[in-house]
Amino acid sequence: MYKTIFFLPAVTFSKSLLSKDANGKTKILPGATNYYYKVGDVAELKCPVANLGDRKVVWRLAANETIFTVGYNIFTEDPRVAVTHHNGTWNLIIKGVQPRDSNLYECQIASVEKYLRSYVALHVA
């Protein structure tokens, strides 16, 4: 069920809970679920999305629901945090990662029907 592919940094891929369909609905596509970085690296957590429309991607900490970003807006005072968007993928950037950044992060899209969620784990050693 899970495949491990090693890049620099190493990333584990698995099938997301949601995938693109022919109906044109907003979806979070399959992507990496585990990211491995060394202390001081720039971490890039990815959330590939299809058919976003006017909805916004939210990046937050899964454990305590701390919101980092909504769309391009940053809601943390941590200057290391940024968000980028390229070809349908919304990336949470954390510069100079530290072991304290190791955690489970959530990419979320609010929609009329439900919240679409995908989780990624950041490991810093």
C-alpha atoms as a PDB file:
ATOM      1  CA  MET A   1       0.000   0.000   0.000  1.00  0.00           C
ATOM      2  CA  TYR A   2       2.852   2.426   0.786  1.00  0.00           C
ATOM      3  CA  LYS A   3       5.832   3.128  -1.417  1.00  0.00           C
ATOM      4  CA  THR A   4       8.991   4.831  -0.289  1.00  0.00           C
ATOM      5  CA  ILE A   5      10.934   6.930  -2.752  1.00  0.00           C
ATOM      6  CA  PHE A   6      14.175   8.548  -1.660  1.00  0.00           C
ATOM      7  CA  PHE A   7      15.066  12.020  -2.865  1.00  0.00           C
ATOM      8  CA  LEU A   8      17.050  14.724  -1.175  1.00  0.00           C
ATOM      9  CA  PRO A   9      15.106  15.236   1.029  1.00  0.00           C
ATOM     10  CA  ALA A  10      13.560  11.787   1.391  1.00  0.00           C
ATOM     11  CA  VAL A  11       9.805  11.699   0.828  1.00  0.00           C
ATOM     12  CA  THR A  12       7.300   8.881   1.345  1.00  0.00           C
ATOM     13  CA  PHE A  13       4.418   8.651  -1.108  1.00  0.00           C
ATOM     14  CA  SER A  14       1.037   7.073  -0.528  1.00  0.00           C
ATOM     15  CA  LYS A  15      -2.385   7.363  -2.062  1.00  0.00           C
ATOM     16  CA  SER A  16      -4.373  10.292  -0.648  1.00  0.00           C
ATOM     17  CA  LEU A  17      -7.869   9.855   0.708  1.00  0.00           C
ATOM     18  CA  LEU A  18      -9.105  12.001  -2.151  1.00  0.00           C
ATOM     19  CA  SER A  19      -8.279  11.955  -5.846  1.00  0.00           C
ATOM     20  CA  LYS A  20      -9.268  13.769  -9.005  1.00  0.00           C
ATOM     21  CA  ASP A  21     -12.455  12.641 -10.738  1.00  0.00           C
ATOM     22  CA  ALA A  22     -14.193  13.507 -13.999  1.00  0.00           C
ATOM     23  CA  ASN A  23     -16.899  15.568 -12.252  1.00  0.00           C
ATOM     24  CA  GLY A  24     -14.649  18.596 -11.836  1.00  0.00           C
ATOM     25  CA  LYS A  25     -15.077  18.627  -8.054  1.00  0.00           C
ATOM     26  CA  THR A  26     -12.469  20.158  -5.796  1.00  0.00           C
ATOM     27  CA  LYS A  27     -10.052  17.444  -4.712  1.00  0.00           C
ATOM     28  CA  ILE A  28      -6.806  16.994  -2.854  1.00  0.00           C
ATOM     29  CA  LEU A  29      -4.663  14.786  -5.073  1.00  0.00           C
ATOM     30  CA  PRO A  30      -2.316  11.972  -4.001  1.00  0.00           C
ATOM     31  CA  GLY A  31       1.044  13.209  -2.793  1.00  0.00           C
ATOM     32  CA  ALA A  32       3.804  12.832  -0.256  1.00  0.00           C
ATOM     33  CA  THR A  33       2.793  12.037   3.307  1.00  0.00           C
ATOM     34  CA  ASN A  34       6.194  12.066   5.026  1.00  0.00           C
ATOM     35  CA  TYR A  35       8.955  14.638   4.644  1.00  0.00           C
ATOM     36  CA  TYR A  36      12.449  14.178   6.097  1.00  0.00           C
ATOM     37  CA  TYR A  37      14.786  17.146   6.562  1.00  0.00           C
ATOM     38  CA  LYS A  38      17.962  17.961   8.443  1.00  0.00           C
ATOM     39  CA  VAL A  39      18.130  20.753  11.025  1.00  0.00           C
ATOM     40  CA  GLY A  40      18.471  24.097   9.248  1.00  0.00           C
ATOM     41  CA  ASP A  41      16.977  22.941   5.919  1.00  0.00           C
ATOM     42  CA  VAL A  42      14.102  24.675   4.161  1.00  0.00           C
ATOM     43  CA  ALA A  43      11.112  22.320   4.395  1.00  0.00           C
ATOM     44  CA  GLU A  44       8.516  22.322   1.622  1.00  0.00           C
ATOM     45  CA  LEU A  45       5.285  20.480   2.476  1.00  0.00           C
ATOM     46  CA  LYS A  46       3.108  19.973  -0.607  1.00  0.00           C
ATOM     47  CA  CYS A  47      -0.649  19.878  -1.069  1.00  0.00           C
ATOM     48  CA  PRO A  48      -1.619  19.103  -4.690  1.00  0.00           C
ATOM     49  CA  VAL A  49      -5.150  20.306  -5.463  1.00  0.00           C
ATOM     50  CA  ALA A  50      -7.488  19.989  -8.455  1.00  0.00           C
ATOM     51  CA  ASN A  51     -10.379  22.306  -9.316  1.00  0.00           C
ATOM     52  CA  LEU A  52      -9.877  24.699  -6.395  1.00  0.00           C
ATOM     53  CA  GLY A  53     -12.050  27.439  -7.884  1.00  0.00           C
ATOM     54  CA  ASP A  54     -12.561  30.307  -5.428  1.00  0.00           C
ATOM     55  CA  ARG A  55     -11.879  28.136  -2.379  1.00  0.00           C
ATOM     56  CA  LYS A  56      -8.782  28.624  -0.241  1.00  0.00           C
ATOM     57  CA  VAL A  57      -6.176  26.140   0.922  1.00  0.00           C
ATOM     58  CA  VAL A  58      -5.520  26.234   4.664  1.00  0.00           C
ATOM     59  CA  TRP A  59      -2.302  24.917   6.208  1.00  0.00           C
ATOM     60  CA  ARG A  60      -2.482  24.183   9.919  1.00  0.00           C
ATOM     61  CA  LEU A  61      -0.950  22.108  12.673  1.00  0.00           C
ATOM     62  CA  ALA A  62      -3.114  19.005  13.053  1.00  0.00           C
ATOM     63  CA  ALA A  63      -2.585  18.525  16.806  1.00  0.00           C
ATOM     64  CA  ASN A  64      -3.876  21.852  18.075  1.00  0.00           C
ATOM     65  CA  GLU A  65      -5.414  23.381  14.933  1.00  0.00           C
ATOM     66  CA  THR A  66      -2.953  26.297  14.854  1.00  0.00           C
ATOM     67  CA  ILE A  67      -3.530  27.996  11.488  1.00  0.00           C
ATOM     68  CA  PHE A  68      -0.422  28.948   9.510  1.00  0.00           C
ATOM     69  CA  THR A  69      -1.900  30.072   6.191  1.00  0.00           C
ATOM     70  CA  VAL A  70      -5.204  30.643   4.397  1.00  0.00           C
ATOM     71  CA  GLY A  71      -4.586  31.054   0.688  1.00  0.00           C
ATOM     72  CA  TYR A  72      -1.623  33.429   0.437  1.00  0.00           C
ATOM     73  CA  ASN A  73      -2.322  35.013   3.850  1.00  0.00           C
ATOM     74  CA  ILE A  74       0.050  34.129   6.708  1.00  0.00           C
ATOM     75  CA  PHE A  75      -1.473  33.814  10.200  1.00  0.00           C
ATOM     76  CA  THR A  76       1.625  33.115  12.246  1.00  0.00           C
ATOM     77  CA  GLU A  77       4.226  35.476  13.625  1.00  0.00           C
ATOM     78  CA  ASP A  78       6.954  32.934  12.830  1.00  0.00           C
ATOM     79  CA  PRO A  79       9.030  34.637  10.099  1.00  0.00           C
ATOM     80  CA  ARG A  80      10.247  31.236   8.881  1.00  0.00           C
ATOM     81  CA  VAL A  81       6.790  30.334   7.518  1.00  0.00           C
ATOM     82  CA  ALA A  82       5.673  31.120   3.971  1.00  0.00           C
ATOM     83  CA  VAL A  83       3.298  29.696   1.378  1.00  0.00           C
ATOM     84  CA  THR A  84       3.823  29.221  -2.346  1.00  0.00           C
ATOM     85  CA  HIS A  85       1.588  28.021  -5.152  1.00  0.00           C
ATOM     86  CA  HIS A  86       2.767  26.366  -8.376  1.00  0.00           C
ATOM     87  CA  ASN A  87       0.677  24.415 -10.916  1.00  0.00           C
ATOM     88  CA  GLY A  88      -2.139  23.562  -8.507  1.00  0.00           C
ATOM     89  CA  THR A  89       0.150  22.616  -5.608  1.00  0.00           C
ATOM     90  CA  TRP A  90       0.080  24.697  -2.422  1.00  0.00           C
ATOM     91  CA  ASN A  91       3.334  24.494  -0.479  1.00  0.00           C
ATOM     92  CA  LEU A  92       3.899  25.306   3.169  1.00  0.00           C
ATOM     93  CA  ILE A  93       7.484  26.521   3.481  1.00  0.00           C
ATOM     94  CA  ILE A  94       9.325  26.422   6.815  1.00  0.00           C
ATOM     95  CA  LYS A  95      12.827  27.896   6.701  1.00  0.00           C
ATOM     96  CA  GLY A  96      15.552  26.734   9.055  1.00  0.00           C
ATOM     97  CA  VAL A  97      13.592  23.742  10.370  1.00  0.00           C
ATOM     98  CA  GLN A  98      14.278  22.561  13.904  1.00  0.00           C
ATOM     99  CA  PRO A  99      13.351  19.334  15.727  1.00  0.00           C
ATOM    100  CA  ARG A 100      10.463  21.255  17.364  1.00  0.00           C
ATOM    101  CA  ASP A 101       8.924  21.599  13.859  1.00  0.00           C
ATOM    102  CA  SER A 102       8.533  17.804  13.608  1.00  0.00           C
ATOM    103  CA  ASN A 103       4.787  17.314  13.648  1.00  0.00           C
ATOM    104  CA  LEU A 104       1.685  16.352  11.692  1.00  0.00           C
ATOM    105  CA  TYR A 105       0.465  19.146   9.411  1.00  0.00           C
ATOM    106  CA  GLU A 106      -2.925  19.410   7.728  1.00  0.00           C
ATOM    107  CA  CYS A 107      -3.785  20.802   4.326  1.00  0.00           C
ATOM    108  CA  GLN A 108      -7.483  21.670   4.303  1.00  0.00           C
ATOM    109  CA  ILE A 109      -9.998  23.031   1.808  1.00  0.00           C
ATOM    110  CA  ALA A 110     -13.352  24.276   3.029  1.00  0.00           C
ATOM    111  CA  SER A 111     -16.178  23.464   0.647  1.00  0.00           C
ATOM    112  CA  VAL A 112     -19.951  23.507   0.741  1.00  0.00           C
ATOM    113  CA  GLU A 113     -20.219  19.724   1.124  1.00  0.00           C
ATOM    114  CA  LYS A 114     -17.463  19.073   3.657  1.00  0.00           C
ATOM    115  CA  TYR A 115     -13.892  19.822   4.594  1.00  0.00           C
ATOM    116  CA  LEU A 116     -11.326  18.142   2.398  1.00  0.00           C
ATOM    117  CA  ARG A 117      -8.216  17.219   4.371  1.00  0.00           C
ATOM    118  CA  SER A 118      -4.821  15.713   3.757  1.00  0.00           C
ATOM    119  CA  TYR A 119      -2.152  15.113   6.386  1.00  0.00           C
ATOM    120  CA  VAL A 120       1.622  15.235   6.024  1.00  0.00           C
ATOM    121  CA  ALA A 121       4.264  14.497   8.633  1.00  0.00           C
ATOM    122  CA  LEU A 122       7.417  16.569   8.950  1.00  0.00           C
ATOM    123  CA  HIS A 123      10.434  14.813  10.469  1.00  0.00           C
ATOM    124  CA  VAL A 124      13.480  16.903  11.385  1.00  0.00           C
ATOM    125  CA  ALA A 125      16.688  15.300  12.662  1.00  0.00           C
END
